[in-house]
N, C-alpha and C. Protein backbone atom coordinates (compact mmCIF):
# COMPACT_ATOMS: atom_id res chain seq x y z
N MET A 1 -25.11 56.52 32.67
CA MET A 1 -24.00 57.23 32.08
C MET A 1 -22.72 56.80 32.69
N SER A 2 -21.84 56.56 31.79
CA SER A 2 -20.47 56.10 32.32
C SER A 2 -19.56 57.32 32.75
N GLN A 3 -18.50 56.98 33.42
CA GLN A 3 -17.63 57.97 33.87
C GLN A 3 -17.08 58.76 32.66
N SER A 4 -16.83 58.07 31.55
CA SER A 4 -16.18 58.72 30.42
C SER A 4 -17.17 59.71 29.79
N ASP A 5 -18.49 59.63 30.06
CA ASP A 5 -19.53 60.59 29.51
C ASP A 5 -19.62 61.83 30.40
N LYS A 6 -18.98 61.81 31.43
CA LYS A 6 -19.13 62.97 32.44
C LYS A 6 -18.07 64.02 32.01
N THR A 7 -18.51 65.24 32.44
CA THR A 7 -17.63 66.38 32.08
C THR A 7 -16.76 66.76 33.37
N ARG A 8 -15.48 67.08 33.13
CA ARG A 8 -14.61 67.54 34.26
C ARG A 8 -14.40 68.94 34.04
N THR A 9 -14.72 69.79 34.98
CA THR A 9 -14.59 71.25 34.92
C THR A 9 -13.85 71.75 36.14
N THR A 10 -12.89 72.54 35.97
CA THR A 10 -12.09 73.12 37.06
C THR A 10 -12.51 74.52 37.25
N VAL A 11 -12.87 74.78 38.54
CA VAL A 11 -13.49 76.16 38.87
C VAL A 11 -12.75 76.65 40.12
N ASP A 12 -12.84 77.95 40.29
CA ASP A 12 -12.22 78.57 41.56
C ASP A 12 -13.40 79.12 42.37
N ILE A 13 -13.39 78.68 43.73
CA ILE A 13 -14.43 79.09 44.62
C ILE A 13 -13.64 79.55 45.90
N HIS A 14 -13.85 80.82 46.26
CA HIS A 14 -13.20 81.33 47.44
C HIS A 14 -11.63 81.05 47.42
N ASN A 15 -11.04 81.49 46.39
CA ASN A 15 -9.59 81.31 46.17
C ASN A 15 -9.06 79.91 46.29
N ARG A 16 -9.93 78.92 46.03
CA ARG A 16 -9.47 77.56 45.89
C ARG A 16 -9.97 76.93 44.62
N SER A 17 -9.11 76.10 44.06
CA SER A 17 -9.45 75.38 42.89
C SER A 17 -10.10 73.99 43.04
N TYR A 18 -11.22 73.74 42.38
CA TYR A 18 -11.92 72.54 42.54
C TYR A 18 -12.16 71.87 41.12
N THR A 19 -12.10 70.60 40.97
CA THR A 19 -12.50 69.93 39.82
C THR A 19 -13.83 69.26 40.02
N ILE A 20 -14.88 69.70 39.21
CA ILE A 20 -16.22 69.24 39.40
C ILE A 20 -16.42 68.14 38.27
N VAL A 21 -16.93 66.97 38.68
CA VAL A 21 -17.23 65.90 37.65
C VAL A 21 -18.68 65.74 37.70
N GLY A 22 -19.34 65.81 36.43
CA GLY A 22 -20.78 65.61 36.49
C GLY A 22 -21.30 65.64 35.02
N GLU A 23 -22.58 65.53 34.97
CA GLU A 23 -23.30 65.43 33.74
C GLU A 23 -23.62 66.72 33.10
N GLU A 24 -23.56 67.88 33.86
CA GLU A 24 -23.90 69.19 33.32
C GLU A 24 -22.78 69.69 32.47
N PRO A 25 -23.14 70.56 31.50
CA PRO A 25 -22.11 71.14 30.60
C PRO A 25 -21.24 72.02 31.43
N ALA A 26 -19.94 72.26 30.91
CA ALA A 26 -19.01 73.06 31.63
C ALA A 26 -19.44 74.46 31.92
N HIS A 27 -20.20 75.05 31.04
CA HIS A 27 -20.64 76.46 31.19
C HIS A 27 -21.59 76.58 32.38
N HIS A 28 -22.51 75.52 32.54
CA HIS A 28 -23.33 75.49 33.70
C HIS A 28 -22.63 75.36 35.03
N VAL A 29 -21.67 74.47 35.03
CA VAL A 29 -20.81 74.27 36.22
C VAL A 29 -20.10 75.56 36.66
N ARG A 30 -19.57 76.20 35.62
CA ARG A 30 -18.85 77.45 35.90
C ARG A 30 -19.79 78.55 36.42
N MET A 31 -21.06 78.57 35.93
CA MET A 31 -22.05 79.57 36.42
C MET A 31 -22.37 79.21 37.82
N VAL A 32 -22.61 77.97 38.17
CA VAL A 32 -22.93 77.59 39.55
C VAL A 32 -21.79 77.98 40.45
N ALA A 33 -20.61 77.61 40.15
CA ALA A 33 -19.34 77.94 40.84
C ALA A 33 -19.29 79.37 41.07
N SER A 34 -19.57 80.16 40.04
CA SER A 34 -19.51 81.73 40.20
C SER A 34 -20.49 82.17 41.25
N LEU A 35 -21.66 81.63 41.15
CA LEU A 35 -22.71 82.02 42.15
C LEU A 35 -22.40 81.68 43.59
N VAL A 36 -21.77 80.44 43.73
CA VAL A 36 -21.31 80.09 45.09
C VAL A 36 -20.29 80.97 45.54
N ASP A 37 -19.28 81.29 44.65
CA ASP A 37 -18.21 82.11 44.99
C ASP A 37 -18.79 83.50 45.40
N GLN A 38 -19.70 84.02 44.61
CA GLN A 38 -20.22 85.33 44.96
C GLN A 38 -20.93 85.40 46.27
N LYS A 39 -21.73 84.34 46.58
CA LYS A 39 -22.35 84.19 47.86
C LYS A 39 -21.41 84.14 49.03
N MET A 40 -20.37 83.44 48.85
CA MET A 40 -19.34 83.34 49.88
C MET A 40 -18.61 84.58 50.11
N ARG A 41 -18.42 85.35 49.03
CA ARG A 41 -17.75 86.70 49.17
C ARG A 41 -18.68 87.60 49.95
N GLU A 42 -19.95 87.58 49.60
CA GLU A 42 -21.01 88.43 50.39
C GLU A 42 -20.98 88.15 51.79
N ILE A 43 -21.05 86.82 52.21
CA ILE A 43 -21.10 86.48 53.55
C ILE A 43 -19.74 86.80 54.26
N HIS A 44 -18.64 86.58 53.55
CA HIS A 44 -17.36 86.93 54.13
C HIS A 44 -17.16 88.47 54.39
N ALA A 45 -17.71 89.20 53.43
CA ALA A 45 -17.64 90.66 53.59
C ALA A 45 -18.45 91.13 54.87
N ALA A 46 -19.54 90.40 55.16
CA ALA A 46 -20.34 90.79 56.34
C ALA A 46 -19.69 90.37 57.62
N ASN A 47 -18.84 89.23 57.54
CA ASN A 47 -18.13 88.74 58.74
C ASN A 47 -16.86 88.11 58.27
N ASN A 48 -15.84 88.93 58.22
CA ASN A 48 -14.50 88.45 57.72
C ASN A 48 -13.71 87.59 58.74
N LYS A 49 -14.29 87.30 59.93
CA LYS A 49 -13.65 86.53 60.90
C LYS A 49 -14.07 85.03 60.74
N LEU A 50 -14.95 84.67 59.87
CA LEU A 50 -15.40 83.31 59.72
C LEU A 50 -14.29 82.52 59.05
N ASP A 51 -14.12 81.24 59.61
CA ASP A 51 -13.17 80.37 58.99
C ASP A 51 -13.93 79.74 57.74
N THR A 52 -13.11 79.13 56.91
CA THR A 52 -13.63 78.59 55.67
C THR A 52 -14.79 77.59 55.84
N THR A 53 -14.72 76.73 56.79
CA THR A 53 -15.73 75.75 57.05
C THR A 53 -17.03 76.48 57.50
N SER A 54 -17.00 77.33 58.42
CA SER A 54 -18.18 78.16 58.76
C SER A 54 -18.75 78.97 57.61
N LEU A 55 -17.88 79.54 56.83
CA LEU A 55 -18.33 80.22 55.72
C LEU A 55 -19.03 79.36 54.69
N ALA A 56 -18.46 78.19 54.48
CA ALA A 56 -19.16 77.24 53.56
C ALA A 56 -20.44 76.77 54.00
N VAL A 57 -20.62 76.49 55.42
CA VAL A 57 -21.80 76.08 55.89
C VAL A 57 -22.91 77.15 55.82
N LEU A 58 -22.47 78.44 56.10
CA LEU A 58 -23.44 79.55 56.10
C LEU A 58 -23.93 79.82 54.60
N THR A 59 -22.97 79.62 53.73
CA THR A 59 -23.29 79.70 52.30
C THR A 59 -24.34 78.67 51.89
N ALA A 60 -24.08 77.42 52.29
CA ALA A 60 -25.02 76.31 52.02
C ALA A 60 -26.41 76.55 52.70
N VAL A 61 -26.44 77.01 53.89
CA VAL A 61 -27.73 77.32 54.60
C VAL A 61 -28.45 78.48 53.86
N ASN A 62 -27.75 79.49 53.54
CA ASN A 62 -28.31 80.72 52.80
C ASN A 62 -28.87 80.15 51.40
N THR A 63 -28.10 79.48 50.74
CA THR A 63 -28.50 78.99 49.43
C THR A 63 -29.72 78.00 49.46
N MET A 64 -29.77 77.17 50.47
CA MET A 64 -30.88 76.27 50.56
C MET A 64 -32.17 77.01 51.02
N ASN A 65 -31.93 78.08 51.84
CA ASN A 65 -33.07 78.90 52.17
C ASN A 65 -33.65 79.57 51.02
N ASP A 66 -32.79 80.15 50.11
CA ASP A 66 -33.25 80.71 48.85
C ASP A 66 -33.98 79.74 47.98
N TYR A 67 -33.42 78.52 47.91
CA TYR A 67 -34.01 77.46 47.01
C TYR A 67 -35.44 77.09 47.58
N LEU A 68 -35.58 76.97 48.89
CA LEU A 68 -36.89 76.52 49.44
C LEU A 68 -37.92 77.66 49.27
N LYS A 69 -37.50 78.96 49.31
CA LYS A 69 -38.46 80.03 49.07
C LYS A 69 -38.87 79.99 47.59
N LEU A 70 -37.89 79.85 46.69
CA LEU A 70 -38.31 79.77 45.31
C LEU A 70 -39.20 78.56 45.02
N LYS A 71 -39.01 77.50 45.59
CA LYS A 71 -39.76 76.30 45.46
C LYS A 71 -41.19 76.57 45.92
N GLU A 72 -41.36 77.23 47.02
CA GLU A 72 -42.69 77.60 47.56
C GLU A 72 -43.34 78.56 46.67
N ASP A 73 -42.62 79.60 46.15
CA ASP A 73 -43.19 80.51 45.20
C ASP A 73 -43.63 79.81 43.95
N TYR A 74 -42.88 78.92 43.42
CA TYR A 74 -43.27 78.14 42.28
C TYR A 74 -44.55 77.28 42.46
N ALA A 75 -44.59 76.70 43.64
CA ALA A 75 -45.80 75.93 43.96
C ALA A 75 -47.01 76.81 43.97
N GLU A 76 -46.87 78.00 44.55
CA GLU A 76 -48.03 78.93 44.61
C GLU A 76 -48.43 79.36 43.26
N LEU A 77 -47.44 79.65 42.36
CA LEU A 77 -47.73 80.09 41.03
C LEU A 77 -48.36 78.95 40.24
N LEU A 78 -48.08 77.69 40.36
CA LEU A 78 -48.69 76.61 39.78
C LEU A 78 -50.14 76.52 40.26
N GLY A 79 -50.37 76.67 41.55
CA GLY A 79 -51.68 76.71 42.15
C GLY A 79 -52.57 77.79 41.50
N SER A 80 -52.01 78.93 41.33
CA SER A 80 -52.77 80.02 40.81
C SER A 80 -53.09 79.77 39.33
N ILE A 81 -52.25 79.19 38.59
CA ILE A 81 -52.46 78.91 37.27
C ILE A 81 -53.57 77.82 37.12
N LYS A 82 -53.53 76.79 37.93
CA LYS A 82 -54.51 75.79 37.91
C LYS A 82 -55.90 76.32 38.24
N LYS A 83 -55.98 77.27 39.19
CA LYS A 83 -57.28 77.80 39.62
C LYS A 83 -57.82 78.66 38.41
N LYS A 84 -56.98 79.32 37.72
CA LYS A 84 -57.42 80.16 36.62
C LYS A 84 -57.89 79.39 35.37
N GLU A 85 -57.26 78.18 35.28
CA GLU A 85 -57.68 77.24 34.18
C GLU A 85 -59.00 76.60 34.42
N GLU A 86 -59.33 76.55 35.66
CA GLU A 86 -60.64 75.74 35.98
C GLU A 86 -61.90 76.64 35.75
């Protein structure tokens, strides 16, 4: 995919504007950015003394933790489905 085929979407995350360039549709990029912004606000509300870098790292760690849990749940569900099909 060439650069001209990519979508440029400007989003706001934690009161800063970012232009995201990628293959996903703009509505998907906006949804992802909104979820990141929401998670950062939740973490910031719990500890408003965090600087932006620490807040971003904690958001990434929390998000990756959620992702890994969902991935494990998905693998368990696939295993259950396979057992029932046998």
